[in-house]
N, C-alpha and C. Protein backbone atom coordinates (compact mmCIF):
# COMPACT_ATOMS: atom_id res chain seq x y z
N UNK A 1 148.59 -58.38 80.09
CA UNK A 1 150.06 -58.17 80.51
C UNK A 1 151.13 -59.03 79.04
N UNK A 2 152.34 -58.64 78.48
CA UNK A 2 152.93 -58.87 77.61
C UNK A 2 153.97 -59.76 77.83
N UNK A 3 153.84 -61.07 77.14
CA UNK A 3 154.39 -62.65 77.76
C UNK A 3 155.94 -62.68 78.58
N UNK A 4 156.33 -63.44 78.82
CA UNK A 4 157.26 -62.80 79.46
C UNK A 4 158.70 -63.05 78.65
N UNK A 5 159.87 -62.40 78.47
CA UNK A 5 160.83 -62.83 77.86
C UNK A 5 161.68 -63.91 78.33
N UNK A 6 162.52 -65.00 77.52
CA UNK A 6 163.33 -65.72 78.11
C UNK A 6 164.87 -65.55 78.45
N UNK A 7 165.31 -66.08 79.53
CA UNK A 7 166.79 -66.18 79.85
C UNK A 7 167.29 -67.25 80.12
N UNK A 8 168.32 -66.99 79.84
CA UNK A 8 169.82 -68.32 80.49
C UNK A 8 169.26 -69.43 81.63
N UNK A 9 168.30 -70.32 81.55
CA UNK A 9 168.67 -71.07 82.34
C UNK A 9 167.15 -71.31 82.02
N UNK A 10 166.15 -70.99 81.60
CA UNK A 10 164.68 -71.09 81.18
C UNK A 10 164.94 -72.60 80.19
N UNK A 11 163.79 -73.51 81.47
CA UNK A 11 162.84 -74.85 80.82
C UNK A 11 162.33 -74.11 79.66
N UNK A 12 162.27 -74.05 78.60
CA UNK A 12 161.27 -73.85 77.50
C UNK A 12 160.65 -74.56 76.52
N UNK A 13 159.60 -74.51 75.84
CA UNK A 13 159.12 -75.17 74.73
C UNK A 13 159.05 -74.32 73.98
N UNK A 14 159.57 -74.19 72.64
CA UNK A 14 160.05 -73.74 71.49
C UNK A 14 159.09 -74.84 70.08
N UNK A 15 158.19 -73.72 69.38
CA UNK A 15 157.97 -74.54 68.48
C UNK A 15 158.85 -73.60 67.25
N UNK A 16 159.24 -74.22 65.92
CA UNK A 16 160.31 -73.44 65.63
C UNK A 16 159.82 -73.79 63.90
N UNK A 17 159.73 -73.68 63.20
CA UNK A 17 160.04 -73.94 61.02
C UNK A 17 160.89 -74.24 60.82
N UNK A 18 160.48 -75.35 60.14
CA UNK A 18 161.97 -75.91 59.79
C UNK A 18 162.34 -76.49 58.29
N UNK A 19 163.34 -76.35 57.32
CA UNK A 19 163.04 -77.05 55.92
C UNK A 19 163.10 -78.62 56.63
N UNK A 20 163.07 -79.36 54.90
CA UNK A 20 162.79 -80.29 56.12
C UNK A 20 162.90 -80.95 54.06
N UNK A 21 163.56 -81.80 53.53
CA UNK A 21 164.40 -82.67 52.21
C UNK A 21 163.25 -83.28 51.48
N UNK A 22 163.01 -82.92 50.46
CA UNK A 22 161.76 -83.02 49.58
C UNK A 22 160.29 -82.95 50.27
N UNK A 23 159.84 -82.15 51.03
CA UNK A 23 158.73 -82.11 51.73
C UNK A 23 158.50 -80.62 50.44
N UNK A 24 156.82 -80.30 50.55
CA UNK A 24 156.63 -79.71 49.93
C UNK A 24 156.02 -78.19 50.68
N UNK A 25 156.63 -78.00 51.78
CA UNK A 25 156.30 -76.46 52.61
C UNK A 25 157.58 -76.92 53.88
N UNK A 26 157.80 -75.89 54.46
CA UNK A 26 158.21 -75.60 55.85
C UNK A 26 157.80 -76.39 56.75
N UNK A 27 158.56 -77.08 57.60
CA UNK A 27 157.70 -77.93 58.76
C UNK A 27 157.79 -77.30 60.22
N UNK A 28 157.01 -77.00 61.63
CA UNK A 28 156.77 -77.15 62.32
C UNK A 28 157.10 -78.38 63.12
N UNK A 29 158.26 -77.71 63.87
CA UNK A 29 159.09 -78.99 64.93
C UNK A 29 159.04 -78.10 66.11
N UNK A 30 159.28 -78.78 67.28
CA UNK A 30 159.58 -78.25 68.94
C UNK A 30 160.65 -79.09 69.61
N UNK A 31 161.23 -78.17 70.53
CA UNK A 31 162.49 -78.85 71.37
C UNK A 31 161.66 -78.46 72.71
N UNK A 32 162.22 -79.10 73.68
CA UNK A 32 161.86 -78.39 75.35
C UNK A 32 163.27 -79.11 75.80
N UNK A 33 163.46 -78.15 76.28
CA UNK A 33 164.79 -78.00 77.04
C UNK A 33 165.17 -76.68 78.18
N UNK A 34 166.71 -76.66 77.97
CA UNK A 34 166.76 -75.41 78.93
C UNK A 34 167.56 -74.59 78.05
N UNK A 35 167.57 -73.49 78.08
CA UNK A 35 168.13 -72.48 77.70
C UNK A 35 169.34 -71.70 77.79
N UNK A 36 170.59 -72.49 77.24
CA UNK A 36 171.55 -72.67 77.70
C UNK A 36 172.33 -71.03 76.81
N UNK A 37 172.32 -70.57 76.47
CA UNK A 37 173.27 -69.23 75.73
C UNK A 37 172.01 -68.11 74.69
N UNK A 38 172.10 -66.98 74.16
CA UNK A 38 171.56 -66.35 73.16
C UNK A 38 172.53 -65.65 71.97
N UNK A 39 172.44 -65.79 71.13
CA UNK A 39 173.31 -65.30 70.40
C UNK A 39 172.39 -64.32 69.36
N UNK A 40 173.99 -64.05 68.70
CA UNK A 40 173.25 -62.89 67.30
C UNK A 40 171.29 -63.59 67.27
N UNK A 41 172.25 -64.50 66.18
CA UNK A 41 171.35 -65.07 65.21
C UNK A 41 170.30 -66.43 65.80
N UNK A 42 170.62 -67.16 66.96
CA UNK A 42 170.05 -67.99 67.75
C UNK A 42 169.62 -67.92 69.04
N UNK A 43 168.54 -69.01 69.48
CA UNK A 43 168.40 -70.17 70.54
C UNK A 43 168.99 -71.31 70.79
N UNK A 44 169.72 -71.31 72.20
CA UNK A 44 170.83 -72.48 72.03
C UNK A 44 169.70 -73.24 73.58
N UNK A 45 170.02 -74.39 73.30
CA UNK A 45 168.79 -75.44 74.06
C UNK A 45 169.42 -76.54 74.15
N UNK A 46 169.62 -76.63 75.03
CA UNK A 46 170.19 -78.09 75.51
C UNK A 46 168.80 -78.98 75.55
N UNK A 47 168.75 -79.66 75.18
CA UNK A 47 167.47 -80.75 74.91
C UNK A 47 167.77 -82.35 76.64
N UNK A 48 169.07 -82.56 76.28
CA UNK A 48 169.32 -83.65 76.75
C UNK A 48 170.81 -83.38 78.12
N UNK A 49 170.61 -82.75 79.61
CA UNK A 49 172.03 -83.09 79.84
C UNK A 49 171.84 -83.14 81.15
N UNK A 50 172.93 -82.98 81.87
CA UNK A 50 173.83 -83.06 82.96
C UNK A 50 172.81 -81.88 83.71
N UNK A 51 172.34 -82.90 84.83
CA UNK A 51 171.72 -81.52 85.67
C UNK A 51 172.47 -81.13 87.06
N UNK A 52 173.61 -81.76 87.19
CA UNK A 52 174.41 -80.89 87.99
C UNK A 52 175.72 -80.95 87.23
N UNK A 53 176.62 -79.51 87.60
CA UNK A 53 177.50 -78.98 86.82
C UNK A 53 179.04 -79.79 86.82
N UNK A 54 178.92 -80.54 88.63
CA UNK A 54 179.55 -81.12 89.29
C UNK A 54 180.30 -82.35 88.07
N UNK A 55 178.76 -82.97 87.71
CA UNK A 55 178.53 -83.91 86.67
C UNK A 55 179.15 -84.17 85.74
N UNK A 56 178.84 -83.04 85.40
CA UNK A 56 179.37 -82.85 84.26
C UNK A 56 180.93 -82.44 83.86
N UNK A 57 181.72 -81.88 84.92
CA UNK A 57 183.06 -81.51 84.84
C UNK A 57 183.60 -83.08 85.42
N UNK A 58 182.89 -83.87 86.32
CA UNK A 58 183.50 -85.05 86.56
C UNK A 58 183.74 -86.06 85.36
N UNK A 59 182.23 -85.69 84.67
CA UNK A 59 182.59 -87.02 83.68
C UNK A 59 182.87 -86.34 82.66
N UNK A 60 183.14 -85.17 82.34
CA UNK A 60 184.39 -85.06 80.80
C UNK A 60 183.90 -85.61 79.70
N UNK A 61 182.38 -85.81 79.27
CA UNK A 61 181.60 -86.69 78.33
C UNK A 61 181.07 -85.99 77.70
N UNK A 62 181.71 -84.64 76.55
CA UNK A 62 180.11 -84.01 75.97
C UNK A 62 179.66 -84.61 75.20
N UNK A 63 179.64 -85.92 74.61
CA UNK A 63 178.53 -86.86 73.69
C UNK A 63 177.38 -87.05 74.84
N UNK A 64 177.11 -87.33 75.83
CA UNK A 64 176.11 -87.61 76.73
C UNK A 64 175.57 -86.08 77.17
N UNK A 65 175.67 -85.22 75.96
CA UNK A 65 174.71 -83.83 76.24
C UNK A 65 174.57 -83.48 75.04
N UNK A 66 173.07 -83.02 74.77
CA UNK A 66 172.36 -82.90 73.27
C UNK A 66 171.97 -81.36 73.04
N UNK A 67 172.49 -80.78 72.38
CA UNK A 67 171.97 -79.21 71.95
C UNK A 67 171.29 -79.14 70.66
N UNK A 68 170.48 -77.72 70.98
CA UNK A 68 170.35 -77.46 69.48
C UNK A 68 170.24 -75.62 69.22
N UNK A 69 170.50 -75.43 67.98
CA UNK A 69 170.81 -74.09 68.12
C UNK A 69 169.39 -74.04 66.76
N UNK A 70 168.47 -73.11 67.64
CA UNK A 70 167.30 -72.74 66.69
C UNK A 70 167.49 -71.88 65.97
N UNK A 71 167.41 -70.87 64.85
CA UNK A 71 167.18 -69.13 64.43
C UNK A 71 166.18 -68.78 65.10
N UNK A 72 166.59 -67.60 65.09
CA UNK A 72 165.75 -66.77 66.19
C UNK A 72 164.47 -66.21 64.45
N UNK A 73 165.31 -66.35 63.66
CA UNK A 73 164.23 -65.89 63.09
C UNK A 73 163.23 -67.05 62.28
N UNK A 74 163.29 -68.33 62.85
CA UNK A 74 162.48 -69.55 62.24
C UNK A 74 161.58 -70.14 63.55
N UNK A 75 161.51 -68.95 64.93
CA UNK A 75 160.86 -69.40 66.03
C UNK A 75 159.39 -68.95 65.55
N UNK A 76 158.49 -69.90 65.87
CA UNK A 76 157.58 -69.06 65.40
C UNK A 76 156.64 -69.26 67.17
N UNK A 77 156.77 -70.26 68.11
CA UNK A 77 156.55 -69.67 69.44
C UNK A 77 157.40 -69.86 71.16
N UNK A 78 157.84 -69.34 71.72
CA UNK A 78 158.37 -69.93 72.97
C UNK A 78 158.00 -69.69 74.10
N UNK A 79 157.75 -70.90 74.63
CA UNK A 79 157.01 -70.83 76.17
C UNK A 79 157.87 -71.10 76.88
N UNK A 80 157.86 -70.31 78.61
CA UNK A 80 158.37 -70.57 79.18
C UNK A 80 158.09 -71.53 79.96
N UNK A 81 158.43 -72.66 80.78
CA UNK A 81 158.04 -73.65 81.30
C UNK A 81 158.31 -73.76 82.88
N UNK A 82 159.75 -73.57 83.33
CA UNK A 82 160.58 -72.91 84.68
C UNK A 82 161.23 -72.39 84.48
């Protein structure tokens, strides 16, 4: 059975290749979080964020959330957790 394709809202484990300054090679990294957007070039993962939209709107503090744009071509694997 083919692997399920992740969709917006899924909680994922994403393993990706990243550059590293003064390193001898690219390195594997991982991020866990909610897939909040898919662009032409990247998967956008919210690794730290509000659970309820009403809290996000009421607090109005974008510094309370942490997102990462991971270039699709750098993705080694992605696993849907929920």
